[in-house]
Amino acid sequence: MTTRFAFVLGAVLCLLPAMAQAKTLRLFVLSGQSNMQAMDPDVSFTPTVQKAFPDDEIVVVKFAQSGQLIRMWDRQWKPPEGVEPAGKGKNGRHYDTLIGKVKDTMKDKPAPATITFVWMQGEADANHKGYAELYSDALARVIDQLEADLGRKDIDVVIGRLSDFGNNDPDNRPGWMAIRQAQVDIASKRPRTAWIDTDDLNGVSNGLHYGKEGWRQLGERFAEKAIELVRNNRVKAAPATQP
């Protein structure tokens, strides 16, 4: 064996363990308000995804805050004309926290093969007259922000449609039905986007919050839809850029 051949063989052998350990990386970004905040991904979401992709590295990043309007994620949000914006804090504040967590988590990792955004929000906006009409454009901008900040145009999106809690309460929740419809419309019109039904997750009393079992099922349902999108929209290779 020549010295040169031995050197090349040694280099290849050194690389084999790293090559064997390389895994396809899949990133899931979860955000929204109270029902998302209460949903623990480790209970059902992450295990369901990992079971579907047993040989892949699954990275889940979640940031959610209870009772928050979509303007806390949409940097460009504007209230209806002549109306003072509800809530406290600057537009996009929660989104900035979310994207910061994503970039910090991914800073030492390769570019993910797939990215999925999972969204459960809208209850707060449904309480304010005129806000429902702004919801569709606001959510589209949130998704656009994520695509721009991560340098990707192939992000899959799963939207949790508001439950039936406020369906029959137009006096207190004037935008409830309109936001439900907007969430369905966005999923039907925007590529790589789908919605899940949550009407049966909030118990016999149809409460605003789903409870322990409801949140477990929510995570599972989100995961199943995300898996479906990833499989349907599977990319052949990871892009060169990374978050």
Protein backbone atom coordinates (compact mmCIF):
# COMPACT_ATOMS: atom_id res chain seq x y z
CA MET A 1 0.00 0.00 0.00
CA THR A 2 1.47 3.33 -1.03
CA THR A 3 1.69 6.19 1.43
CA ARG A 4 -0.66 8.30 -0.71
CA PHE A 5 -3.27 5.54 -0.91
CA ALA A 6 -3.05 4.91 2.81
CA PHE A 7 -3.56 8.62 3.50
CA VAL A 8 -6.66 8.81 1.28
CA LEU A 9 -8.09 5.61 2.77
CA GLY A 10 -7.52 6.95 6.27
CA ALA A 11 -9.28 10.21 5.44
CA VAL A 12 -12.27 8.36 4.00
CA LEU A 13 -12.50 6.09 7.03
CA CYS A 14 -12.44 9.12 9.31
CA LEU A 15 -15.34 10.66 7.39
CA LEU A 16 -17.53 7.55 7.40
CA PRO A 17 -18.85 7.94 10.99
CA ALA A 18 -19.88 11.54 10.32
CA MET A 19 -21.52 10.56 7.02
CA ALA A 20 -23.37 7.74 8.72
CA GLN A 21 -24.66 10.08 11.41
CA ALA A 22 -25.88 12.80 9.02
CA LYS A 23 -29.66 13.10 9.22
CA THR A 24 -32.29 14.98 7.30
CA LEU A 25 -33.24 17.95 9.45
CA ARG A 26 -36.87 19.08 9.67
CA LEU A 27 -37.82 22.30 11.43
CA PHE A 28 -41.26 22.94 12.93
CA VAL A 29 -42.10 26.45 14.16
CA LEU A 30 -45.14 26.70 16.47
CA SER A 31 -46.81 29.92 17.55
CA GLY A 32 -50.10 31.55 18.55
CA GLN A 33 -52.03 32.39 21.70
CA SER A 34 -53.49 30.49 24.67
CA ASN A 35 -54.35 27.08 23.20
CA MET A 36 -50.98 26.94 21.50
CA GLN A 37 -49.28 28.14 24.68
CA ALA A 38 -50.88 25.34 26.69
CA MET A 39 -50.11 22.64 24.13
CA ASP A 40 -46.90 20.84 25.09
CA PRO A 41 -45.23 19.61 21.87
CA ASP A 42 -43.43 16.86 23.78
CA VAL A 43 -46.75 15.21 24.70
CA SER A 44 -48.03 14.42 21.21
CA PHE A 45 -46.78 16.72 18.46
CA THR A 46 -43.09 15.86 18.45
CA PRO A 47 -43.54 12.12 19.10
CA THR A 48 -46.03 11.88 16.23
CA VAL A 49 -43.69 13.67 13.82
CA GLN A 50 -40.69 11.64 14.97
CA LYS A 51 -42.60 8.41 14.45
CA ALA A 52 -43.38 9.45 10.88
CA PHE A 53 -39.74 10.37 10.19
CA PRO A 54 -37.77 8.02 12.46
CA ASP A 55 -34.44 8.56 10.71
CA ASP A 56 -34.65 12.36 10.64
CA GLU A 57 -33.63 15.04 13.11
CA ILE A 58 -36.77 16.83 14.28
CA VAL A 59 -36.38 20.36 15.66
CA VAL A 60 -39.41 22.04 17.23
CA VAL A 61 -39.37 25.71 18.24
CA LYS A 62 -42.42 27.13 20.01
CA PHE A 63 -43.31 30.57 21.28
CA ALA A 64 -46.89 31.50 22.19
CA GLN A 65 -48.59 34.07 24.41
CA SER A 66 -52.12 33.99 25.79
CA GLY A 67 -54.73 36.57 24.81
CA GLN A 68 -52.69 38.25 22.09
CA LEU A 69 -53.84 39.94 18.90
CA ILE A 70 -52.32 39.02 15.56
CA ARG A 71 -50.73 42.46 15.43
CA MET A 72 -48.20 41.15 17.97
CA TRP A 73 -46.88 39.02 15.10
CA ASP A 74 -47.66 41.24 12.11
CA ARG A 75 -45.15 44.09 11.96
CA GLN A 76 -47.21 46.04 9.41
CA TRP A 77 -50.63 45.72 11.05
CA LYS A 78 -52.89 48.79 11.09
CA PRO A 79 -56.23 49.11 12.93
CA PRO A 80 -59.50 49.92 11.17
CA GLU A 81 -59.71 53.58 10.20
CA GLY A 82 -60.54 55.77 13.17
CA VAL A 83 -60.03 52.97 15.72
CA GLU A 84 -57.33 52.93 18.38
CA PRO A 85 -55.35 49.66 18.31
CA ALA A 86 -56.25 47.28 21.13
CA GLY A 87 -53.63 45.58 23.25
CA LYS A 88 -50.26 46.72 24.51
CA GLY A 89 -46.84 46.63 22.89
CA LYS A 90 -45.50 47.33 19.44
CA ASN A 91 -46.57 45.44 16.35
CA GLY A 92 -44.59 42.28 15.72
CA ARG A 93 -43.17 42.02 19.23
CA HIS A 94 -44.01 38.33 19.68
CA TYR A 95 -42.90 37.51 16.16
CA ASP A 96 -39.52 39.07 16.88
CA THR A 97 -39.18 36.82 19.93
CA LEU A 98 -40.22 33.79 17.89
CA ILE A 99 -37.81 34.39 15.02
CA GLY A 100 -35.05 35.09 17.51
CA LYS A 101 -35.63 31.68 19.11
CA VAL A 102 -35.66 30.00 15.72
CA LYS A 103 -32.39 31.57 14.61
CA ASP A 104 -30.71 30.87 17.94
CA THR A 105 -31.80 27.22 17.80
CA MET A 106 -30.62 26.79 14.22
CA LYS A 107 -27.37 28.76 14.34
CA ASP A 108 -25.10 25.69 14.54
CA LYS A 109 -27.26 23.41 12.41
CA PRO A 110 -27.34 22.80 8.66
CA ALA A 111 -30.17 24.18 6.55
CA PRO A 112 -33.36 22.18 7.21
CA ALA A 113 -34.77 20.08 4.38
CA THR A 114 -38.27 21.22 5.32
CA ILE A 115 -39.78 23.98 7.43
CA THR A 116 -43.34 23.87 8.75
CA PHE A 117 -45.13 26.76 10.47
CA VAL A 118 -47.97 25.77 12.84
CA TRP A 119 -50.40 28.50 13.89
CA MET A 120 -53.18 28.60 16.54
CA GLN A 121 -54.45 32.15 17.06
CA GLY A 122 -57.40 34.44 16.38
CA GLU A 123 -59.55 34.34 19.51
CA ALA A 124 -58.35 37.76 20.65
CA ASP A 125 -59.01 39.42 17.29
CA ALA A 126 -62.51 37.92 17.18
CA ASN A 127 -63.45 40.01 20.23
CA HIS A 128 -62.97 43.34 18.43
CA LYS A 129 -65.35 44.75 15.88
CA GLY A 130 -63.71 45.32 12.52
CA TYR A 131 -60.61 43.24 13.27
CA ALA A 132 -61.81 40.14 11.43
CA GLU A 133 -61.69 42.00 8.13
CA LEU A 134 -57.96 42.56 8.68
CA TYR A 135 -57.12 39.01 9.70
CA SER A 136 -56.49 37.34 6.35
CA ASP A 137 -53.99 39.93 5.17
CA ALA A 138 -52.33 40.01 8.59
CA LEU A 139 -51.74 36.26 8.68
CA ALA A 140 -50.44 36.32 5.11
CA ARG A 141 -47.92 38.97 6.16
CA VAL A 142 -46.81 36.89 9.15
CA ILE A 143 -46.09 33.96 6.83
CA ASP A 144 -44.33 36.28 4.38
CA GLN A 145 -42.19 37.62 7.23
CA LEU A 146 -41.15 34.10 8.16
CA GLU A 147 -40.27 33.24 4.58
CA ALA A 148 -38.19 36.41 4.25
CA ASP A 149 -36.39 36.00 7.58
CA LEU A 150 -35.57 32.34 6.93
CA GLY A 151 -34.76 32.89 3.27
CA ARG A 152 -37.23 30.22 2.13
CA LYS A 153 -40.27 30.20 -0.17
CA ASP A 154 -41.16 26.57 0.52
CA ILE A 155 -42.53 26.77 4.07
CA ASP A 156 -45.48 24.50 4.80
CA VAL A 157 -48.21 26.06 6.96
CA VAL A 158 -50.81 24.43 9.22
CA ILE A 159 -53.55 26.66 10.65
CA GLY A 160 -55.75 25.67 13.57
CA ARG A 161 -59.24 27.01 12.84
CA LEU A 162 -60.95 28.63 15.83
CA SER A 163 -63.23 26.21 17.66
CA ASP A 164 -67.01 26.60 17.82
CA PHE A 165 -66.76 28.35 21.21
CA GLY A 166 -67.83 31.78 19.93
CA ASN A 167 -70.08 30.74 17.06
CA ASN A 168 -73.26 31.91 18.76
CA ASP A 169 -71.97 34.95 20.63
CA PRO A 170 -71.90 37.81 18.10
CA ASP A 171 -72.38 40.49 20.77
CA ASN A 172 -69.16 39.61 22.61
CA ARG A 173 -67.23 38.02 19.75
CA PRO A 174 -68.32 39.89 16.61
CA GLY A 175 -65.51 38.57 14.44
CA TRP A 176 -65.54 34.92 15.44
CA MET A 177 -67.29 33.43 12.43
CA ALA A 178 -65.45 35.69 9.98
CA ILE A 179 -62.05 34.68 11.33
CA ARG A 180 -62.98 31.00 11.16
CA GLN A 181 -63.86 31.49 7.52
CA ALA A 182 -60.73 33.54 6.85
CA GLN A 183 -58.55 30.73 8.21
CA VAL A 184 -60.22 28.21 5.90
CA ASP A 185 -59.95 30.58 2.93
CA ILE A 186 -56.24 31.21 3.51
CA ALA A 187 -55.58 27.46 3.61
CA SER A 188 -57.51 26.89 0.39
CA LYS A 189 -55.89 29.72 -1.56
CA ARG A 190 -52.28 29.75 -0.34
CA PRO A 191 -49.89 27.06 -1.63
CA ARG A 192 -48.48 24.54 0.86
CA THR A 193 -51.11 25.53 3.44
CA ALA A 194 -53.78 23.51 5.26
CA TRP A 195 -56.11 23.87 8.25
CA ILE A 196 -57.30 21.58 11.00
CA ASP A 197 -60.68 21.44 12.75
CA THR A 198 -60.74 22.04 16.52
CA ASP A 199 -64.51 22.06 17.10
CA ASP A 200 -64.42 18.78 19.00
CA LEU A 201 -61.41 19.58 21.17
CA ASN A 202 -62.92 21.93 23.77
CA GLY A 203 -65.11 19.46 25.63
CA VAL A 204 -68.84 19.11 26.14
CA SER A 205 -69.08 22.68 27.46
CA ASN A 206 -67.45 24.11 24.30
CA GLY A 207 -65.01 26.10 26.39
CA LEU A 208 -62.53 28.61 25.01
CA HIS A 209 -59.65 26.43 26.18
CA TYR A 210 -59.35 22.79 25.23
CA GLY A 211 -58.07 21.20 28.43
CA LYS A 212 -55.42 18.52 28.88
CA GLU A 213 -56.93 15.94 26.54
CA GLY A 214 -57.91 18.57 23.99
CA TRP A 215 -54.38 19.95 23.90
CA ARG A 216 -52.98 16.45 23.49
CA GLN A 217 -55.26 15.87 20.53
CA LEU A 218 -54.44 19.32 19.15
CA GLY A 219 -50.75 18.47 19.06
CA GLU A 220 -51.44 15.15 17.42
CA ARG A 221 -53.77 16.70 14.85
CA PHE A 222 -51.28 19.44 14.00
CA ALA A 223 -48.55 16.82 13.59
CA GLU A 224 -50.62 14.62 11.31
CA LYS A 225 -51.46 17.52 9.00
CA ALA A 226 -47.85 18.73 9.05
CA ILE A 227 -46.64 15.25 8.12
CA GLU A 228 -49.12 15.17 5.24
CA LEU A 229 -47.84 18.50 3.91
CA VAL A 230 -44.18 17.52 4.26
CA ARG A 231 -44.76 14.29 2.35
CA ASN A 232 -46.82 15.98 -0.36
CA ASN A 233 -44.38 18.89 -0.75
CA ARG A 234 -41.13 17.03 -0.09
CA VAL A 235 -38.08 18.84 -1.44
CA LYS A 236 -35.28 16.81 -3.03
CA ALA A 237 -32.43 18.66 -1.36
CA ALA A 238 -31.92 21.26 1.34
CA PRO A 239 -31.33 24.81 0.06
CA ALA A 240 -27.92 26.36 0.59
CA THR A 241 -29.19 29.04 2.95
CA GLN A 242 -30.11 28.47 6.58
CA PRO A 243 -31.93 30.43 9.31
